[in-house]
C-alpha atoms as a PDB file:
ATOM      1  CA  MET A   1       0.000   0.000   0.000  1.00  0.00           C
ATOM      2  CA  SER A   2       1.096   3.551  -0.554  1.00  0.00           C
ATOM      3  CA  THR A   3       2.000   5.781   2.350  1.00  0.00           C
ATOM      4  CA  LEU A   4      -1.121   7.882   1.790  1.00  0.00           C
ATOM      5  CA  ALA A   5      -3.383   4.806   1.826  1.00  0.00           C
ATOM      6  CA  THR A   6      -1.690   3.497   4.969  1.00  0.00           C
ATOM      7  CA  VAL A   7      -2.111   6.852   6.718  1.00  0.00           C
ATOM      8  CA  ALA A   8      -5.804   6.939   5.744  1.00  0.00           C
ATOM      9  CA  VAL A   9      -6.377   3.423   7.106  1.00  0.00           C
ATOM     10  CA  LEU A  10      -4.540   4.261  10.342  1.00  0.00           C
ATOM     11  CA  ALA A  11      -6.494   7.521  10.726  1.00  0.00           C
ATOM     12  CA  LEU A  12      -9.744   5.587  10.452  1.00  0.00           C
ATOM     13  CA  ALA A  13      -8.403   3.086  13.000  1.00  0.00           C
ATOM     14  CA  ALA A  14      -7.646   5.985  15.353  1.00  0.00           C
ATOM     15  CA  LEU A  15     -11.194   7.302  14.905  1.00  0.00           C
ATOM     16  CA  HIS A  16     -12.639   3.915  15.850  1.00  0.00           C
ATOM     17  CA  ALA A  17     -10.295   3.621  18.823  1.00  0.00           C
ATOM     18  CA  TYR A  18     -11.576   7.029  19.951  1.00  0.00           C
ATOM     19  CA  ILE A  19     -15.175   5.861  19.523  1.00  0.00           C
ATOM     20  CA  LEU A  20     -14.292   2.774  21.593  1.00  0.00           C
ATOM     21  CA  VAL A  21     -13.094   5.030  24.430  1.00  0.00           C
ATOM     22  CA  LEU A  22     -16.185   7.236  24.206  1.00  0.00           C
ATOM     23  CA  GLU A  23     -18.603   4.312  24.201  1.00  0.00           C
ATOM     24  CA  MET A  24     -16.872   1.972  26.642  1.00  0.00           C
ATOM     25  CA  PHE A  25     -15.399   4.348  29.209  1.00  0.00           C
ATOM     26  CA  LEU A  26     -16.820   7.846  28.790  1.00  0.00           C
ATOM     27  CA  TRP A  27     -20.417   7.131  27.786  1.00  0.00           C
ATOM     28  CA  THR A  28     -22.010   8.974  30.705  1.00  0.00           C
ATOM     29  CA  THR A  29     -19.666  11.984  30.593  1.00  0.00           C
ATOM     30  CA  PRO A  30     -20.700  15.342  29.132  1.00  0.00           C
ATOM     31  CA  ARG A  31     -18.157  14.880  26.304  1.00  0.00           C
ATOM     32  CA  ALA A  32     -19.655  11.593  25.091  1.00  0.00           C
ATOM     33  CA  ARG A  33     -23.218  12.780  25.641  1.00  0.00           C
ATOM     34  CA  ALA A  34     -22.491  15.823  23.465  1.00  0.00           C
ATOM     35  CA  ALA A  35     -20.843  13.693  20.781  1.00  0.00           C
ATOM     36  CA  PHE A  36     -23.789  11.307  20.595  1.00  0.00           C
ATOM     37  CA  GLY A  37     -26.573  13.733  21.487  1.00  0.00           C
ATOM     38  CA  THR A  38     -27.813  11.833  24.534  1.00  0.00           C
ATOM     39  CA  THR A  39     -29.207  12.885  27.878  1.00  0.00           C
ATOM     40  CA  ALA A  40     -27.707  11.901  31.217  1.00  0.00           C
ATOM     41  CA  GLU A  41     -30.646   9.595  31.880  1.00  0.00           C
ATOM     42  CA  PHE A  42     -30.403   7.874  28.494  1.00  0.00           C
ATOM     43  CA  ALA A  43     -26.637   7.467  28.880  1.00  0.00           C
ATOM     44  CA  ALA A  44     -27.063   5.879  32.299  1.00  0.00           C
ATOM     45  CA  ASP A  45     -29.771   3.531  31.016  1.00  0.00           C
ATOM     46  CA  THR A  46     -27.735   2.430  27.974  1.00  0.00           C
ATOM     47  CA  LYS A  47     -24.238   2.233  29.458  1.00  0.00           C
ATOM     48  CA  ALA A  48     -23.866  -1.544  28.962  1.00  0.00           C
ATOM     49  CA  LEU A  49     -25.225  -1.365  25.416  1.00  0.00           C
ATOM     50  CA  ALA A  50     -22.808   1.445  24.538  1.00  0.00           C
ATOM     51  CA  ALA A  51     -19.878  -0.513  25.983  1.00  0.00           C
ATOM     52  CA  ASN A  52     -20.799  -3.411  23.718  1.00  0.00           C
ATOM     53  CA  GLN A  53     -20.874  -1.079  20.712  1.00  0.00           C
ATOM     54  CA  GLY A  54     -17.526   0.312  21.779  1.00  0.00           C
ATOM     55  CA  LEU A  55     -16.024  -3.152  21.820  1.00  0.00           C
ATOM     56  CA  TYR A  56     -17.135  -3.696  18.224  1.00  0.00           C
ATOM     57  CA  ASN A  57     -15.531  -0.396  17.241  1.00  0.00           C
ATOM     58  CA  GLY A  58     -12.357  -1.656  18.884  1.00  0.00           C
ATOM     59  CA  PHE A  59     -12.445  -4.763  16.706  1.00  0.00           C
ATOM     60  CA  LEU A  60     -12.786  -2.556  13.627  1.00  0.00           C
ATOM     61  CA  ALA A  61      -9.817  -0.467  14.785  1.00  0.00           C
ATOM     62  CA  ALA A  62      -7.719  -3.578  15.394  1.00  0.00           C
ATOM     63  CA  GLY A  63      -8.538  -4.956  11.953  1.00  0.00           C
ATOM     64  CA  LEU A  64      -7.650  -1.657  10.300  1.00  0.00           C
ATOM     65  CA  VAL A  65      -4.307  -1.533  12.104  1.00  0.00           C
ATOM     66  CA  TRP A  66      -3.644  -5.134  11.102  1.00  0.00           C
ATOM     67  CA  GLY A  67      -4.350  -4.287   7.480  1.00  0.00           C
ATOM     68  CA  ALA A  68      -2.114  -1.225   7.606  1.00  0.00           C
ATOM     69  CA  VAL A  69       0.902  -3.017   9.075  1.00  0.00           C
ATOM     70  CA  ALA A  70       0.653  -6.459   7.428  1.00  0.00           C
ATOM     71  CA  SER A  71       2.652  -7.184   4.300  1.00  0.00           C
ATOM     72  CA  ASP A  72       0.806  -7.426   1.020  1.00  0.00           C
ATOM     73  CA  PRO A  73      -1.175  -9.260  -0.204  1.00  0.00           C
ATOM     74  CA  VAL A  74      -2.570  -9.877   3.308  1.00  0.00           C
ATOM     75  CA  GLY A  75      -2.397  -6.184   4.286  1.00  0.00           C
ATOM     76  CA  PHE A  76      -4.308  -5.178   1.182  1.00  0.00           C
ATOM     77  CA  GLN A  77      -6.947  -7.894   1.650  1.00  0.00           C
ATOM     78  CA  VAL A  78      -7.458  -7.189   5.347  1.00  0.00           C
ATOM     79  CA  SER A  79      -7.622  -3.434   4.749  1.00  0.00           C
ATOM     80  CA  VAL A  80     -10.258  -3.841   2.036  1.00  0.00           C
ATOM     81  CA  PHE A  81     -12.319  -6.193   4.212  1.00  0.00           C
ATOM     82  CA  PHE A  82     -12.319  -3.931   7.283  1.00  0.00           C
ATOM     83  CA  LEU A  83     -12.854  -0.741   5.276  1.00  0.00           C
ATOM     84  CA  VAL A  84     -15.926  -2.320   3.677  1.00  0.00           C
ATOM     85  CA  CYS A  85     -17.104  -3.410   7.150  1.00  0.00           C
ATOM     86  CA  VAL A  86     -16.750   0.163   8.421  1.00  0.00           C
ATOM     87  CA  ALA A  87     -18.577   1.570   5.393  1.00  0.00           C
ATOM     88  CA  VAL A  88     -21.457  -0.910   5.723  1.00  0.00           C
ATOM     89  CA  ALA A  89     -21.736  -0.272   9.465  1.00  0.00           C
ATOM     90  CA  GLY A  90     -21.808   3.449   8.742  1.00  0.00           C
ATOM     91  CA  VAL A  91     -24.575   3.107   6.185  1.00  0.00           C
ATOM     92  CA  TYR A  92     -26.622   1.037   8.615  1.00  0.00           C
ATOM     93  CA  GLY A  93     -25.956   3.492  11.442  1.00  0.00           C
ATOM     94  CA  ALA A  94     -26.950   6.408   9.235  1.00  0.00           C
ATOM     95  CA  ALA A  95     -30.172   4.655   8.259  1.00  0.00           C
ATOM     96  CA  THR A  96     -31.121   3.637  11.789  1.00  0.00           C
ATOM     97  CA  ALA A  97     -29.537   6.096  14.226  1.00  0.00           C
ATOM     98  CA  SER A  98     -28.174   9.342  12.788  1.00  0.00           C
ATOM     99  CA  ARG A  99     -27.325  10.634   9.319  1.00  0.00           C
ATOM    100  CA  LYS A 100     -24.224  12.187  10.833  1.00  0.00           C
ATOM    101  CA  ILE A 101     -22.697   8.687  10.952  1.00  0.00           C
ATOM    102  CA  LEU A 102     -22.624   8.660   7.158  1.00  0.00           C
ATOM    103  CA  PHE A 103     -20.161  11.583   7.173  1.00  0.00           C
ATOM    104  CA  VAL A 104     -18.189  10.560  10.251  1.00  0.00           C
ATOM    105  CA  GLN A 105     -17.779   6.891   9.378  1.00  0.00           C
ATOM    106  CA  THR A 106     -18.854   5.903   5.857  1.00  0.00           C
ATOM    107  CA  VAL A 107     -17.318   8.733   3.844  1.00  0.00           C
ATOM    108  CA  PRO A 108     -13.864   8.404   5.468  1.00  0.00           C
ATOM    109  CA  ALA A 109     -13.998   4.615   5.000  1.00  0.00           C
ATOM    110  CA  LEU A 110     -14.838   4.986   1.313  1.00  0.00           C
ATOM    111  CA  VAL A 111     -12.073   7.552   0.803  1.00  0.00           C
ATOM    112  CA  ALA A 112      -9.563   5.243   2.501  1.00  0.00           C
ATOM    113  CA  LEU A 113     -10.873   2.311   0.459  1.00  0.00           C
ATOM    114  CA  ALA A 114     -10.409   4.275  -2.778  1.00  0.00           C
ATOM    115  CA  LEU A 115      -6.838   5.143  -1.754  1.00  0.00           C
ATOM    116  CA  VAL A 116      -6.087   1.501  -0.933  1.00  0.00           C
ATOM    117  CA  LEU A 117      -7.541   0.303  -4.245  1.00  0.00           C
ATOM    118  CA  ILE A 118      -5.694   2.966  -6.252  1.00  0.00           C
ATOM    119  CA  ALA A 119      -2.419   2.083  -4.507  1.00  0.00           C
ATOM    120  CA  GLU A 120      -2.709  -1.588  -5.437  1.00  0.00           C
END
């Protein structure tokens, strides 16, 4: 992969690691509530659910890092797989939770995917 594609994949991994922290550890804080548009009551009621979501975001981050650091062809294949996973999850999230997810998650995943495909 090119340096630019690798940086894009790692940036997306960092975003998902940040989401993991917000959802698993900071869900009830004002910062996370502002990021996700939740109330204190809702955050308290959904803390376990959010932690589960955070764990899944951590798996996406781990897969993206794996793809970025693995030698090709495995690095390329893993990157494509996890970038598609992120894009699909973003589309579903945008359709079911908030359109904002489309721009925060899907668009960056598709840009990184394009860079990975162009670099190959």
